[in-house]
Amino acid sequence: MRERSKRREGTVVSARMTKTVVVQVDRLVEHPLYGKRMRRRKRYMAHDERGECHEGDRVLIIESRPLSKRKRWRVSRIVKKAAG
């Protein structure tokens, strides 16, 4: 049985490339020894076929086959458009 592809929700931080956006995903992790919660960030390059994402948009990305050297994610849908 095929496993479900990974999903992440993040904010578009760059939409300057053609058909590609950079999505920053924030998450909170607890320090293993001290227990303090820390913010961790990771940036993913995602394929935006129709070019409808803009900076500040909240998007859902899903894992896909390799589309280029650094691009392994696709924009599934726009959760919330940026104000303005």
C-alpha atoms as a PDB file:
ATOM      1  CA  MET A   1       0.000   0.000   0.000  1.00  0.00           C
ATOM      2  CA  ARG A   2       1.340   3.403  -0.973  1.00  0.00           C
ATOM      3  CA  GLU A   3       2.026   5.837   1.855  1.00  0.00           C
ATOM      4  CA  ARG A   4       0.448   9.258   1.930  1.00  0.00           C
ATOM      5  CA  SER A   5       2.739  12.095   0.853  1.00  0.00           C
ATOM      6  CA  LYS A   6       4.071  14.539   3.443  1.00  0.00           C
ATOM      7  CA  ARG A   7       2.288  17.868   3.896  1.00  0.00           C
ATOM      8  CA  ARG A   8       3.515  21.140   5.352  1.00  0.00           C
ATOM      9  CA  GLU A   9       1.850  24.505   5.863  1.00  0.00           C
ATOM     10  CA  GLY A  10       3.923  27.648   5.634  1.00  0.00           C
ATOM     11  CA  THR A  11       4.289  31.203   4.424  1.00  0.00           C
ATOM     12  CA  VAL A  12       5.570  32.248   1.000  1.00  0.00           C
ATOM     13  CA  VAL A  13       8.706  34.334   1.564  1.00  0.00           C
ATOM     14  CA  SER A  14       9.800  34.664  -2.082  1.00  0.00           C
ATOM     15  CA  ALA A  15       7.853  34.466  -5.332  1.00  0.00           C
ATOM     16  CA  ARG A  16      10.416  35.967  -7.697  1.00  0.00           C
ATOM     17  CA  MET A  17      11.154  32.833  -9.721  1.00  0.00           C
ATOM     18  CA  THR A  18       9.008  31.559 -12.563  1.00  0.00           C
ATOM     19  CA  LYS A  19       6.698  28.736 -11.372  1.00  0.00           C
ATOM     20  CA  THR A  20       8.635  28.440  -8.085  1.00  0.00           C
ATOM     21  CA  VAL A  21       8.019  29.849  -4.611  1.00  0.00           C
ATOM     22  CA  VAL A  22      10.050  29.612  -1.422  1.00  0.00           C
ATOM     23  CA  VAL A  23       7.892  28.534   1.522  1.00  0.00           C
ATOM     24  CA  GLN A  24       9.052  28.969   5.123  1.00  0.00           C
ATOM     25  CA  VAL A  25       7.635  26.436   7.571  1.00  0.00           C
ATOM     26  CA  ASP A  26       7.786  27.306  11.283  1.00  0.00           C
ATOM     27  CA  ARG A  27       7.460  24.717  14.042  1.00  0.00           C
ATOM     28  CA  LEU A  28       7.913  24.649  17.800  1.00  0.00           C
ATOM     29  CA  VAL A  29      10.151  21.995  19.332  1.00  0.00           C
ATOM     30  CA  GLU A  30      10.935  21.366  22.949  1.00  0.00           C
ATOM     31  CA  HIS A  31      14.581  21.338  24.004  1.00  0.00           C
ATOM     32  CA  PRO A  32      15.424  17.746  25.034  1.00  0.00           C
ATOM     33  CA  LEU A  33      17.206  18.716  28.262  1.00  0.00           C
ATOM     34  CA  TYR A  34      15.836  22.074  29.371  1.00  0.00           C
ATOM     35  CA  GLY A  35      12.276  21.783  28.150  1.00  0.00           C
ATOM     36  CA  LYS A  36      12.145  25.272  26.665  1.00  0.00           C
ATOM     37  CA  ARG A  37      10.107  25.539  23.480  1.00  0.00           C
ATOM     38  CA  MET A  38      12.110  26.865  20.546  1.00  0.00           C
ATOM     39  CA  ARG A  39      11.046  28.018  17.107  1.00  0.00           C
ATOM     40  CA  ARG A  40      12.623  26.124  14.230  1.00  0.00           C
ATOM     41  CA  ARG A  41      12.311  27.274  10.636  1.00  0.00           C
ATOM     42  CA  LYS A  42      12.898  25.509   7.354  1.00  0.00           C
ATOM     43  CA  ARG A  43      12.575  26.802   3.812  1.00  0.00           C
ATOM     44  CA  TYR A  44      11.289  24.651   0.974  1.00  0.00           C
ATOM     45  CA  MET A  45      11.258  25.391  -2.750  1.00  0.00           C
ATOM     46  CA  ALA A  46       7.830  24.506  -4.097  1.00  0.00           C
ATOM     47  CA  HIS A  47       6.402  24.294  -7.608  1.00  0.00           C
ATOM     48  CA  ASP A  48       3.622  26.802  -8.345  1.00  0.00           C
ATOM     49  CA  GLU A  49       2.380  25.859 -11.823  1.00  0.00           C
ATOM     50  CA  ARG A  50      -0.108  28.699 -12.331  1.00  0.00           C
ATOM     51  CA  GLY A  51       1.979  31.366 -10.578  1.00  0.00           C
ATOM     52  CA  GLU A  52      -0.848  32.469  -8.288  1.00  0.00           C
ATOM     53  CA  CYS A  53       1.134  32.582  -5.020  1.00  0.00           C
ATOM     54  CA  HIS A  54       2.557  35.870  -3.748  1.00  0.00           C
ATOM     55  CA  GLU A  55       4.731  36.836  -0.800  1.00  0.00           C
ATOM     56  CA  GLY A  56       2.884  36.596   2.511  1.00  0.00           C
ATOM     57  CA  ASP A  57       0.385  33.954   1.352  1.00  0.00           C
ATOM     58  CA  ARG A  58      -0.232  30.989   3.659  1.00  0.00           C
ATOM     59  CA  VAL A  59       0.003  27.807   1.549  1.00  0.00           C
ATOM     60  CA  LEU A  60      -0.197  24.032   1.898  1.00  0.00           C
ATOM     61  CA  ILE A  61       2.616  22.146   0.143  1.00  0.00           C
ATOM     62  CA  ILE A  62       2.838  18.417  -0.544  1.00  0.00           C
ATOM     63  CA  GLU A  63       5.852  16.250  -1.277  1.00  0.00           C
ATOM     64  CA  SER A  64       6.366  15.179  -4.884  1.00  0.00           C
ATOM     65  CA  ARG A  65       8.922  13.657  -7.189  1.00  0.00           C
ATOM     66  CA  PRO A  66      12.094  15.688  -7.817  1.00  0.00           C
ATOM     67  CA  LEU A  67      11.198  18.560 -10.148  1.00  0.00           C
ATOM     68  CA  SER A  68      14.647  20.169 -10.201  1.00  0.00           C
ATOM     69  CA  LYS A  69      17.866  20.161  -8.197  1.00  0.00           C
ATOM     70  CA  ARG A  70      16.286  21.635  -5.030  1.00  0.00           C
ATOM     71  CA  LYS A  71      12.555  21.432  -5.747  1.00  0.00           C
ATOM     72  CA  ARG A  72      10.720  18.400  -4.281  1.00  0.00           C
ATOM     73  CA  TRP A  73       7.434  20.012  -3.173  1.00  0.00           C
ATOM     74  CA  ARG A  74       4.301  21.297  -4.940  1.00  0.00           C
ATOM     75  CA  VAL A  75       1.849  23.962  -3.820  1.00  0.00           C
ATOM     76  CA  SER A  76      -1.400  22.120  -3.100  1.00  0.00           C
ATOM     77  CA  ARG A  77      -3.593  25.118  -2.270  1.00  0.00           C
ATOM     78  CA  ILE A  78      -3.548  28.621  -0.893  1.00  0.00           C
ATOM     79  CA  VAL A  79      -4.917  28.567   2.648  1.00  0.00           C
ATOM     80  CA  LYS A  80      -5.002  32.360   3.122  1.00  0.00           C
ATOM     81  CA  LYS A  81      -4.118  35.193   0.765  1.00  0.00           C
ATOM     82  CA  ALA A  82      -1.841  37.977   2.008  1.00  0.00           C
ATOM     83  CA  ALA A  83      -3.494  41.242   2.963  1.00  0.00           C
ATOM     84  CA  GLY A  84      -3.094  43.890   0.274  1.00  0.00           C
END
